[in-house]
Amino acid sequence: MKLTARAQRLSRDPLGTVWRRRFNLGAVPPRPKSDVAAQLASSPIVAVALDIGEGAGALNDTIRVTAERGAARLRQRAEAQSPGDRPYP
């Protein structure tokens, strides 16, 4: 078996060197803090109430395009407009 240079050592490393090696094992440099504005621009969360009845073709197209974005998060919630109306499924 071939011995490495570490096997040839006759003295121990100083305590500071041992601790640095032990506690920095696998240490990676810290990541820079993320920019909040960039996060909001990449995946905005917006709560709105829309009446998408007839005649809202441009609005429906815009919603469709927004839904196709990978980072967009949309949720549908149907509400009854009056006590006799039934909400959409």
PDB file of N, CA and C in Angstrom:
ATOM      1  N   MET A   1       0.838  -1.159   0.000  1.00  0.00           N
ATOM      2  CA  MET A   1       0.000   0.000   0.000  1.00  0.00           C
ATOM      3  C   MET A   1       0.896   1.240   0.000  1.00  0.00           C
ATOM      4  N   LYS A   2       0.573   2.164  -0.881  1.00  0.00           N
ATOM      5  CA  LYS A   2       1.365   3.386  -0.982  1.00  0.00           C
ATOM      6  C   LYS A   2       0.850   4.406   0.027  1.00  0.00           C
ATOM      7  N   LEU A   3       1.758   4.982   0.809  1.00  0.00           N
ATOM      8  CA  LEU A   3       1.388   5.969   1.812  1.00  0.00           C
ATOM      9  C   LEU A   3       1.490   7.368   1.230  1.00  0.00           C
ATOM     10  N   THR A   4       0.594   8.234   1.681  1.00  0.00           N
ATOM     11  CA  THR A   4       0.600   9.623   1.216  1.00  0.00           C
ATOM     12  C   THR A   4       1.506  10.461   2.107  1.00  0.00           C
ATOM     13  N   ALA A   5       1.675  11.717   1.744  1.00  0.00           N
ATOM     14  CA  ALA A   5       2.517  12.630   2.519  1.00  0.00           C
ATOM     15  C   ALA A   5       1.947  12.846   3.915  1.00  0.00           C
ATOM     16  N   ARG A   6       0.646  12.748   4.063  1.00  0.00           N
ATOM     17  CA  ARG A   6       0.035  12.925   5.380  1.00  0.00           C
ATOM     18  C   ARG A   6       0.487  11.824   6.347  1.00  0.00           C
ATOM     19  N   ALA A   7       0.724  10.642   5.848  1.00  0.00           N
ATOM     20  CA  ALA A   7       1.172   9.538   6.705  1.00  0.00           C
ATOM     21  C   ALA A   7       2.598   9.749   7.197  1.00  0.00           C
ATOM     22  N   GLN A   8       3.357  10.585   6.545  1.00  0.00           N
ATOM     23  CA  GLN A   8       4.746  10.836   6.922  1.00  0.00           C
ATOM     24  C   GLN A   8       4.878  11.865   8.050  1.00  0.00           C
ATOM     25  N   ARG A   9       3.790  12.549   8.393  1.00  0.00           N
ATOM     26  CA  ARG A   9       3.868  13.604   9.412  1.00  0.00           C
ATOM     27  C   ARG A   9       4.187  13.022  10.781  1.00  0.00           C
ATOM     28  N   LEU A  10       4.971  13.759  11.534  1.00  0.00           N
ATOM     29  CA  LEU A  10       5.364  13.310  12.866  1.00  0.00           C
ATOM     30  C   LEU A  10       4.727  14.141  13.982  1.00  0.00           C
ATOM     31  N   SER A  11       4.087  15.263  13.635  1.00  0.00           N
ATOM     32  CA  SER A  11       3.474  16.108  14.666  1.00  0.00           C
ATOM     33  C   SER A  11       2.042  16.464  14.256  1.00  0.00           C
ATOM     34  N   ARG A  12       1.290  16.862  15.246  1.00  0.00           N
ATOM     35  CA  ARG A  12      -0.098  17.242  15.002  1.00  0.00           C
ATOM     36  C   ARG A  12      -0.178  18.675  14.491  1.00  0.00           C
ATOM     37  N   ASP A  13      -1.278  18.973  13.827  1.00  0.00           N
ATOM     38  CA  ASP A  13      -1.545  20.356  13.431  1.00  0.00           C
ATOM     39  C   ASP A  13      -1.912  21.159  14.674  1.00  0.00           C
ATOM     40  N   PRO A  14      -1.672  22.468  14.640  1.00  0.00           N
ATOM     41  CA  PRO A  14      -2.102  23.312  15.758  1.00  0.00           C
ATOM     42  C   PRO A  14      -3.632  23.234  15.929  1.00  0.00           C
ATOM     43  N   LEU A  15      -4.096  23.498  17.141  1.00  0.00           N
ATOM     44  CA  LEU A  15      -5.512  23.387  17.459  1.00  0.00           C
ATOM     45  C   LEU A  15      -6.374  24.284  16.556  1.00  0.00           C
ATOM     46  N   GLY A  16      -5.896  25.486  16.269  1.00  0.00           N
ATOM     47  CA  GLY A  16      -6.648  26.396  15.392  1.00  0.00           C
ATOM     48  C   GLY A  16      -6.839  25.819  13.999  1.00  0.00           C
ATOM     49  N   THR A  17      -5.815  25.187  13.463  1.00  0.00           N
ATOM     50  CA  THR A  17      -5.903  24.564  12.143  1.00  0.00           C
ATOM     51  C   THR A  17      -6.883  23.402  12.161  1.00  0.00           C
ATOM     52  N   VAL A  18      -6.860  22.613  13.225  1.00  0.00           N
ATOM     53  CA  VAL A  18      -7.776  21.475  13.342  1.00  0.00           C
ATOM     54  C   VAL A  18      -9.219  21.965  13.383  1.00  0.00           C
ATOM     55  N   TRP A  19      -9.480  22.976  14.193  1.00  0.00           N
ATOM     56  CA  TRP A  19     -10.849  23.490  14.314  1.00  0.00           C
ATOM     57  C   TRP A  19     -11.326  24.093  12.999  1.00  0.00           C
ATOM     58  N   ARG A  20     -10.452  24.842  12.332  1.00  0.00           N
ATOM     59  CA  ARG A  20     -10.827  25.442  11.054  1.00  0.00           C
ATOM     60  C   ARG A  20     -11.169  24.356  10.044  1.00  0.00           C
ATOM     61  N   ARG A  21     -10.383  23.312  10.005  1.00  0.00           N
ATOM     62  CA  ARG A  21     -10.627  22.213   9.075  1.00  0.00           C
ATOM     63  C   ARG A  21     -11.922  21.478   9.440  1.00  0.00           C
ATOM     64  N   ARG A  22     -12.144  21.266  10.730  1.00  0.00           N
ATOM     65  CA  ARG A  22     -13.322  20.516  11.170  1.00  0.00           C
ATOM     66  C   ARG A  22     -14.615  21.286  10.915  1.00  0.00           C
ATOM     67  N   PHE A  23     -14.628  22.564  11.239  1.00  0.00           N
ATOM     68  CA  PHE A  23     -15.873  23.317  11.152  1.00  0.00           C
ATOM     69  C   PHE A  23     -16.102  23.974   9.797  1.00  0.00           C
ATOM     70  N   ASN A  24     -15.155  24.000   8.921  1.00  0.00           N
ATOM     71  CA  ASN A  24     -15.344  24.539   7.582  1.00  0.00           C
ATOM     72  C   ASN A  24     -15.433  23.438   6.539  1.00  0.00           C
ATOM     73  N   LEU A  25     -15.589  22.215   6.987  1.00  0.00           N
ATOM     74  CA  LEU A  25     -15.658  21.093   6.065  1.00  0.00           C
ATOM     75  C   LEU A  25     -16.867  21.247   5.146  1.00  0.00           C
ATOM     76  N   GLY A  26     -16.634  21.319   3.876  1.00  0.00           N
ATOM     77  CA  GLY A  26     -17.723  21.445   2.914  1.00  0.00           C
ATOM     78  C   GLY A  26     -18.348  22.825   2.884  1.00  0.00           C
ATOM     79  N   ALA A  27     -17.698  23.797   3.496  1.00  0.00           N
ATOM     80  CA  ALA A  27     -18.265  25.142   3.526  1.00  0.00           C
ATOM     81  C   ALA A  27     -18.248  25.745   2.132  1.00  0.00           C
ATOM     82  N   VAL A  28     -19.312  26.422   1.823  1.00  0.00           N
ATOM     83  CA  VAL A  28     -19.414  27.121   0.547  1.00  0.00           C
ATOM     84  C   VAL A  28     -19.584  28.601   0.846  1.00  0.00           C
ATOM     85  N   PRO A  29     -19.156  29.451  -0.049  1.00  0.00           N
ATOM     86  CA  PRO A  29     -19.334  30.881   0.199  1.00  0.00           C
ATOM     87  C   PRO A  29     -20.829  31.215   0.256  1.00  0.00           C
ATOM     88  N   PRO A  30     -21.218  32.140   1.117  1.00  0.00           N
ATOM     89  CA  PRO A  30     -22.641  32.471   1.236  1.00  0.00           C
ATOM     90  C   PRO A  30     -23.180  33.074  -0.055  1.00  0.00           C
ATOM     91  N   ARG A  31     -24.425  32.720  -0.349  1.00  0.00           N
ATOM     92  CA  ARG A  31     -25.053  33.279  -1.545  1.00  0.00           C
ATOM     93  C   ARG A  31     -25.447  34.722  -1.275  1.00  0.00           C
ATOM     94  N   PRO A  32     -25.369  35.566  -2.282  1.00  0.00           N
ATOM     95  CA  PRO A  32     -25.805  36.947  -2.072  1.00  0.00           C
ATOM     96  C   PRO A  32     -27.312  36.979  -1.823  1.00  0.00           C
ATOM     97  N   LYS A  33     -27.750  37.956  -1.053  1.00  0.00           N
ATOM     98  CA  LYS A  33     -29.172  38.075  -0.759  1.00  0.00           C
ATOM     99  C   LYS A  33     -29.926  38.371  -2.047  1.00  0.00           C
ATOM    100  N   SER A  34     -31.094  37.778  -2.156  1.00  0.00           N
ATOM    101  CA  SER A  34     -31.872  37.974  -3.369  1.00  0.00           C
ATOM    102  C   SER A  34     -32.549  39.339  -3.344  1.00  0.00           C
ATOM    103  N   ASP A  35     -32.766  39.865  -4.521  1.00  0.00           N
ATOM    104  CA  ASP A  35     -33.407  41.157  -4.682  1.00  0.00           C
ATOM    105  C   ASP A  35     -34.920  40.954  -4.652  1.00  0.00           C
ATOM    106  N   VAL A  36     -35.595  41.564  -3.690  1.00  0.00           N
ATOM    107  CA  VAL A  36     -37.038  41.382  -3.535  1.00  0.00           C
ATOM    108  C   VAL A  36     -37.776  41.882  -4.767  1.00  0.00           C
ATOM    109  N   ALA A  37     -37.350  42.994  -5.327  1.00  0.00           N
ATOM    110  CA  ALA A  37     -38.016  43.534  -6.511  1.00  0.00           C
ATOM    111  C   ALA A  37     -37.916  42.565  -7.682  1.00  0.00           C
ATOM    112  N   ALA A  38     -36.779  41.910  -7.825  1.00  0.00           N
ATOM    113  CA  ALA A  38     -36.624  40.938  -8.914  1.00  0.00           C
ATOM    114  C   ALA A  38     -37.527  39.736  -8.696  1.00  0.00           C
ATOM    115  N   GLN A  39     -37.683  39.302  -7.449  1.00  0.00           N
ATOM    116  CA  GLN A  39     -38.580  38.182  -7.167  1.00  0.00           C
ATOM    117  C   GLN A  39     -40.022  38.546  -7.480  1.00  0.00           C
ATOM    118  N   LEU A  40     -40.439  39.738  -7.079  1.00  0.00           N
ATOM    119  CA  LEU A  40     -41.816  40.145  -7.353  1.00  0.00           C
ATOM    120  C   LEU A  40     -42.067  40.308  -8.841  1.00  0.00           C
ATOM    121  N   ALA A  41     -41.071  40.780  -9.572  1.00  0.00           N
ATOM    122  CA  ALA A  41     -41.242  40.945 -11.012  1.00  0.00           C
ATOM    123  C   ALA A  41     -41.309  39.605 -11.726  1.00  0.00           C
ATOM    124  N   SER A  42     -40.621  38.603 -11.201  1.00  0.00           N
ATOM    125  CA  SER A  42     -40.598  37.315 -11.884  1.00  0.00           C
ATOM    126  C   SER A  42     -41.831  36.471 -11.590  1.00  0.00           C
ATOM    127  N   SER A  43     -42.452  36.632 -10.441  1.00  0.00           N
ATOM    128  CA  SER A  43     -43.663  35.857 -10.137  1.00  0.00           C
ATOM    129  C   SER A  43     -44.591  36.668  -9.247  1.00  0.00           C
ATOM    130  N   PRO A  44     -45.281  37.634  -9.841  1.00  0.00           N
ATOM    131  CA  PRO A  44     -46.145  38.494  -9.036  1.00  0.00           C
ATOM    132  C   PRO A  44     -47.370  37.754  -8.508  1.00  0.00           C
ATOM    133  N   ILE A  45     -47.822  38.171  -7.354  1.00  0.00           N
ATOM    134  CA  ILE A  45     -49.066  37.672  -6.781  1.00  0.00           C
ATOM    135  C   ILE A  45     -49.997  38.873  -6.692  1.00  0.00           C
ATOM    136  N   VAL A  46     -51.056  38.832  -7.456  1.00  0.00           N
ATOM    137  CA  VAL A  46     -51.985  39.948  -7.520  1.00  0.00           C
ATOM    138  C   VAL A  46     -53.384  39.422  -7.257  1.00  0.00           C
ATOM    139  N   ALA A  47     -54.102  40.061  -6.358  1.00  0.00           N
ATOM    140  CA  ALA A  47     -55.482  39.675  -6.068  1.00  0.00           C
ATOM    141  C   ALA A  47     -56.405  40.712  -6.692  1.00  0.00           C
ATOM    142  N   VAL A  48     -57.257  40.272  -7.585  1.00  0.00           N
ATOM    143  CA  VAL A  48     -58.187  41.175  -8.262  1.00  0.00           C
ATOM    144  C   VAL A  48     -59.547  40.510  -8.373  1.00  0.00           C
ATOM    145  N   ALA A  49     -60.564  41.323  -8.563  1.00  0.00           N
ATOM    146  CA  ALA A  49     -61.916  40.826  -8.828  1.00  0.00           C
ATOM    147  C   ALA A  49     -62.299  41.296 -10.220  1.00  0.00           C
ATOM    148  N   LEU A  50     -62.641  40.371 -11.093  1.00  0.00           N
ATOM    149  CA  LEU A  50     -62.944  40.700 -12.485  1.00  0.00           C
ATOM    150  C   LEU A  50     -64.313  40.171 -12.866  1.00  0.00           C
ATOM    151  N   ASP A  51     -65.040  40.966 -13.637  1.00  0.00           N
ATOM    152  CA  ASP A  51     -66.291  40.505 -14.225  1.00  0.00           C
ATOM    153  C   ASP A  51     -65.968  40.141 -15.667  1.00  0.00           C
ATOM    154  N   ILE A  52     -65.843  38.861 -15.932  1.00  0.00           N
ATOM    155  CA  ILE A  52     -65.451  38.432 -17.277  1.00  0.00           C
ATOM    156  C   ILE A  52     -66.663  37.900 -18.031  1.00  0.00           C
ATOM    157  N   GLY A  53     -67.681  38.733 -18.050  1.00  0.00           N
ATOM    158  CA  GLY A  53     -68.893  38.382 -18.783  1.00  0.00           C
ATOM    159  C   GLY A  53     -68.667  38.539 -20.279  1.00  0.00           C
ATOM    160  N   GLU A  54     -69.757  38.606 -21.003  1.00  0.00           N
ATOM    161  CA  GLU A  54     -69.661  38.748 -22.461  1.00  0.00           C
ATOM    162  C   GLU A  54     -69.066  40.106 -22.813  1.00  0.00           C
ATOM    163  N   GLY A  55     -68.354  40.142 -23.914  1.00  0.00           N
ATOM    164  CA  GLY A  55     -67.752  41.384 -24.367  1.00  0.00           C
ATOM    165  C   GLY A  55     -66.401  41.672 -23.736  1.00  0.00           C
ATOM    166  N   ALA A  56     -65.825  40.707 -23.054  1.00  0.00           N
ATOM    167  CA  ALA A  56     -64.528  40.908 -22.412  1.00  0.00           C
ATOM    168  C   ALA A  56     -63.472  40.049 -23.104  1.00  0.00           C
ATOM    169  N   GLY A  57     -63.465  40.040 -24.423  1.00  0.00           N
ATOM    170  CA  GLY A  57     -62.536  39.205 -25.185  1.00  0.00           C
ATOM    171  C   GLY A  57     -61.080  39.554 -24.937  1.00  0.00           C
ATOM    172  N   ALA A  58     -60.777  40.858 -24.910  1.00  0.00           N
ATOM    173  CA  ALA A  58     -59.388  41.280 -24.686  1.00  0.00           C
ATOM    174  C   ALA A  58     -58.925  40.880 -23.289  1.00  0.00           C
ATOM    175  N   LEU A  59     -59.818  41.006 -22.310  1.00  0.00           N
ATOM    176  CA  LEU A  59     -59.468  40.615 -20.951  1.00  0.00           C
ATOM    177  C   LEU A  59     -59.230  39.115 -20.860  1.00  0.00           C
ATOM    178  N   ASN A  60     -60.077  38.334 -21.496  1.00  0.00           N
ATOM    179  CA  ASN A  60     -59.901  36.878 -21.491  1.00  0.00           C
ATOM    180  C   ASN A  60     -58.591  36.478 -22.159  1.00  0.00           C
ATOM    181  N   ASP A  61     -58.227  37.168 -23.247  1.00  0.00           N
ATOM    182  CA  ASP A  61     -56.952  36.881 -23.915  1.00  0.00           C
ATOM    183  C   ASP A  61     -55.771  37.202 -22.997  1.00  0.00           C
ATOM    184  N   THR A  62     -55.863  38.316 -22.281  1.00  0.00           N
ATOM    185  CA  THR A  62     -54.791  38.703 -21.366  1.00  0.00           C
ATOM    186  C   THR A  62     -54.647  37.691 -20.233  1.00  0.00           C
ATOM    187  N   ILE A  63     -55.765  37.224 -19.698  1.00  0.00           N
ATOM    188  CA  ILE A  63     -55.716  36.219 -18.635  1.00  0.00           C
ATOM    189  C   ILE A  63     -55.100  34.928 -19.159  1.00  0.00           C
ATOM    190  N   ARG A  64     -55.451  34.539 -20.376  1.00  0.00           N
ATOM    191  CA  ARG A  64     -54.894  33.319 -20.966  1.00  0.00           C
ATOM    192  C   ARG A  64     -53.384  33.447 -21.132  1.00  0.00           C
ATOM    193  N   VAL A  65     -52.914  34.584 -21.633  1.00  0.00           N
ATOM    194  CA  VAL A  65     -51.473  34.795 -21.828  1.00  0.00           C
ATOM    195  C   VAL A  65     -50.750  34.777 -20.476  1.00  0.00           C
ATOM    196  N   THR A  66     -51.348  35.404 -19.469  1.00  0.00           N
ATOM    197  CA  THR A  66     -50.736  35.419 -18.138  1.00  0.00           C
ATOM    198  C   THR A  66     -50.664  34.017 -17.558  1.00  0.00           C
ATOM    199  N   ALA A  67     -51.707  33.227 -17.763  1.00  0.00           N
ATOM    200  CA  ALA A  67     -51.730  31.862 -17.228  1.00  0.00           C
ATOM    201  C   ALA A  67     -50.671  30.984 -17.881  1.00  0.00           C
ATOM    202  N   GLU A  68     -50.260  31.305 -19.108  1.00  0.00           N
ATOM    203  CA  GLU A  68     -49.246  30.512 -19.807  1.00  0.00           C
ATOM    204  C   GLU A  68     -47.839  30.802 -19.303  1.00  0.00           C
ATOM    205  N   ARG A  69     -47.658  31.896 -18.565  1.00  0.00           N
ATOM    206  CA  ARG A  69     -46.342  32.189 -17.995  1.00  0.00           C
ATOM    207  C   ARG A  69     -46.010  31.138 -16.959  1.00  0.00           C
ATOM    208  N   GLY A  70     -44.776  30.694 -16.955  1.00  0.00           N
ATOM    209  CA  GLY A  70     -44.376  29.640 -16.032  1.00  0.00           C
ATOM    210  C   GLY A  70     -44.467  30.037 -14.571  1.00  0.00           C
ATOM    211  N   ALA A  71     -44.186  31.284 -14.252  1.00  0.00           N
ATOM    212  CA  ALA A  71     -44.148  31.710 -12.858  1.00  0.00           C
ATOM    213  C   ALA A  71     -45.479  32.280 -12.376  1.00  0.00           C
ATOM    214  N   ALA A  72     -46.462  32.394 -13.261  1.00  0.00           N
ATOM    215  CA  ALA A  72     -47.744  32.989 -12.870  1.00  0.00           C
ATOM    216  C   ALA A  72     -48.543  32.010 -12.022  1.00  0.00           C
ATOM    217  N   ARG A  73     -49.146  32.532 -10.993  1.00  0.00           N
ATOM    218  CA  ARG A  73     -50.003  31.712 -10.134  1.00  0.00           C
ATOM    219  C   ARG A  73     -51.385  32.347 -10.118  1.00  0.00           C
ATOM    220  N   LEU A  74     -52.341  31.665 -10.692  1.00  0.00           N
ATOM    221  CA  LEU A  74     -53.702  32.181 -10.765  1.00  0.00           C
ATOM    222  C   LEU A  74     -54.640  31.250 -10.017  1.00  0.00           C
ATOM    223  N   ARG A  75     -55.673  31.819  -9.447  1.00  0.00           N
ATOM    224  CA  ARG A  75     -56.681  31.015  -8.780  1.00  0.00           C
ATOM    225  C   ARG A  75     -58.036  31.584  -9.148  1.00  0.00           C
ATOM    226  N   GLN A  76     -58.943  30.696  -9.467  1.00  0.00           N
ATOM    227  CA  GLN A  76     -60.288  31.110  -9.824  1.00  0.00           C
ATOM    228  C   GLN A  76     -61.184  30.952  -8.605  1.00  0.00           C
ATOM    229  N   ARG A  77     -61.979  31.961  -8.368  1.00  0.00           N
ATOM    230  CA  ARG A  77     -62.964  31.871  -7.293  1.00  0.00           C
ATOM    231  C   ARG A  77     -64.235  32.512  -7.807  1.00  0.00           C
ATOM    232  N   ALA A  78     -65.267  31.738  -7.900  1.00  0.00           N
ATOM    233  CA  ALA A  78     -66.539  32.241  -8.413  1.00  0.00           C
ATOM    234  C   ALA A  78     -67.417  32.667  -7.246  1.00  0.00           C
ATOM    235  N   GLU A  79     -68.026  33.814  -7.383  1.00  0.00           N
ATOM    236  CA  GLU A  79     -68.912  34.342  -6.352  1.00  0.00           C
ATOM    237  C   GLU A  79     -70.273  34.619  -6.971  1.00  0.00           C
ATOM    238  N   ALA A  80     -71.308  34.374  -6.208  1.00  0.00           N
ATOM    239  CA  ALA A  80     -72.657  34.709  -6.658  1.00  0.00           C
ATOM    240  C   ALA A  80     -72.826  36.221  -6.598  1.00  0.00           C
ATOM    241  N   GLN A  81     -73.490  36.783  -7.617  1.00  0.00           N
ATOM    242  CA  GLN A  81     -73.666  38.229  -7.650  1.00  0.00           C
ATOM    243  C   GLN A  81     -74.866  38.675  -6.817  1.00  0.00           C
ATOM    244  N   SER A  82     -75.853  37.825  -6.703  1.00  0.00           N
ATOM    245  CA  SER A  82     -77.015  38.137  -5.877  1.00  0.00           C
ATOM    246  C   SER A  82     -77.463  36.851  -5.198  1.00  0.00           C
ATOM    247  N   PRO A  83     -78.319  36.932  -4.185  1.00  0.00           N
ATOM    248  CA  PRO A  83     -78.704  35.720  -3.457  1.00  0.00           C
ATOM    249  C   PRO A  83     -79.307  34.628  -4.337  1.00  0.00           C
ATOM    250  N   GLY A  84     -79.966  34.975  -5.433  1.00  0.00           N
ATOM    251  CA  GLY A  84     -80.580  33.967  -6.296  1.00  0.00           C
ATOM    252  C   GLY A  84     -79.612  33.349  -7.290  1.00  0.00           C
ATOM    253  N   ASP A  85     -78.467  33.992  -7.546  1.00  0.00           N
ATOM    254  CA  ASP A  85     -77.500  33.476  -8.519  1.00  0.00           C
ATOM    255  C   ASP A  85     -76.732  32.304  -7.934  1.00  0.00           C
ATOM    256  N   ARG A  86     -76.322  31.416  -8.813  1.00  0.00           N
ATOM    257  CA  ARG A  86     -75.466  30.298  -8.389  1.00  0.00           C
ATOM    258  C   ARG A  86     -74.055  30.578  -8.878  1.00  0.00           C
ATOM    259  N   PRO A  87     -73.062  30.392  -8.049  1.00  0.00           N
ATOM    260  CA  PRO A  87     -71.677  30.634  -8.508  1.00  0.00           C
ATOM    261  C   PRO A  87     -71.261  29.603  -9.541  1.00  0.00           C
ATOM    262  N   TYR A  88     -70.339  30.011 -10.368  1.00  0.00           N
ATOM    263  CA  TYR A  88     -69.793  29.100 -11.369  1.00  0.00           C
ATOM    264  C   TYR A  88     -68.977  28.028 -10.670  1.00  0.00           C
ATOM    265  N   PRO A  89     -68.861  26.849 -11.254  1.00  0.00           N
ATOM    266  CA  PRO A  89     -68.090  25.774 -10.602  1.00  0.00           C
ATOM    267  C   PRO A  89     -66.620  26.086 -10.513  1.00  0.00           C
TER     268      PRO A  89
END
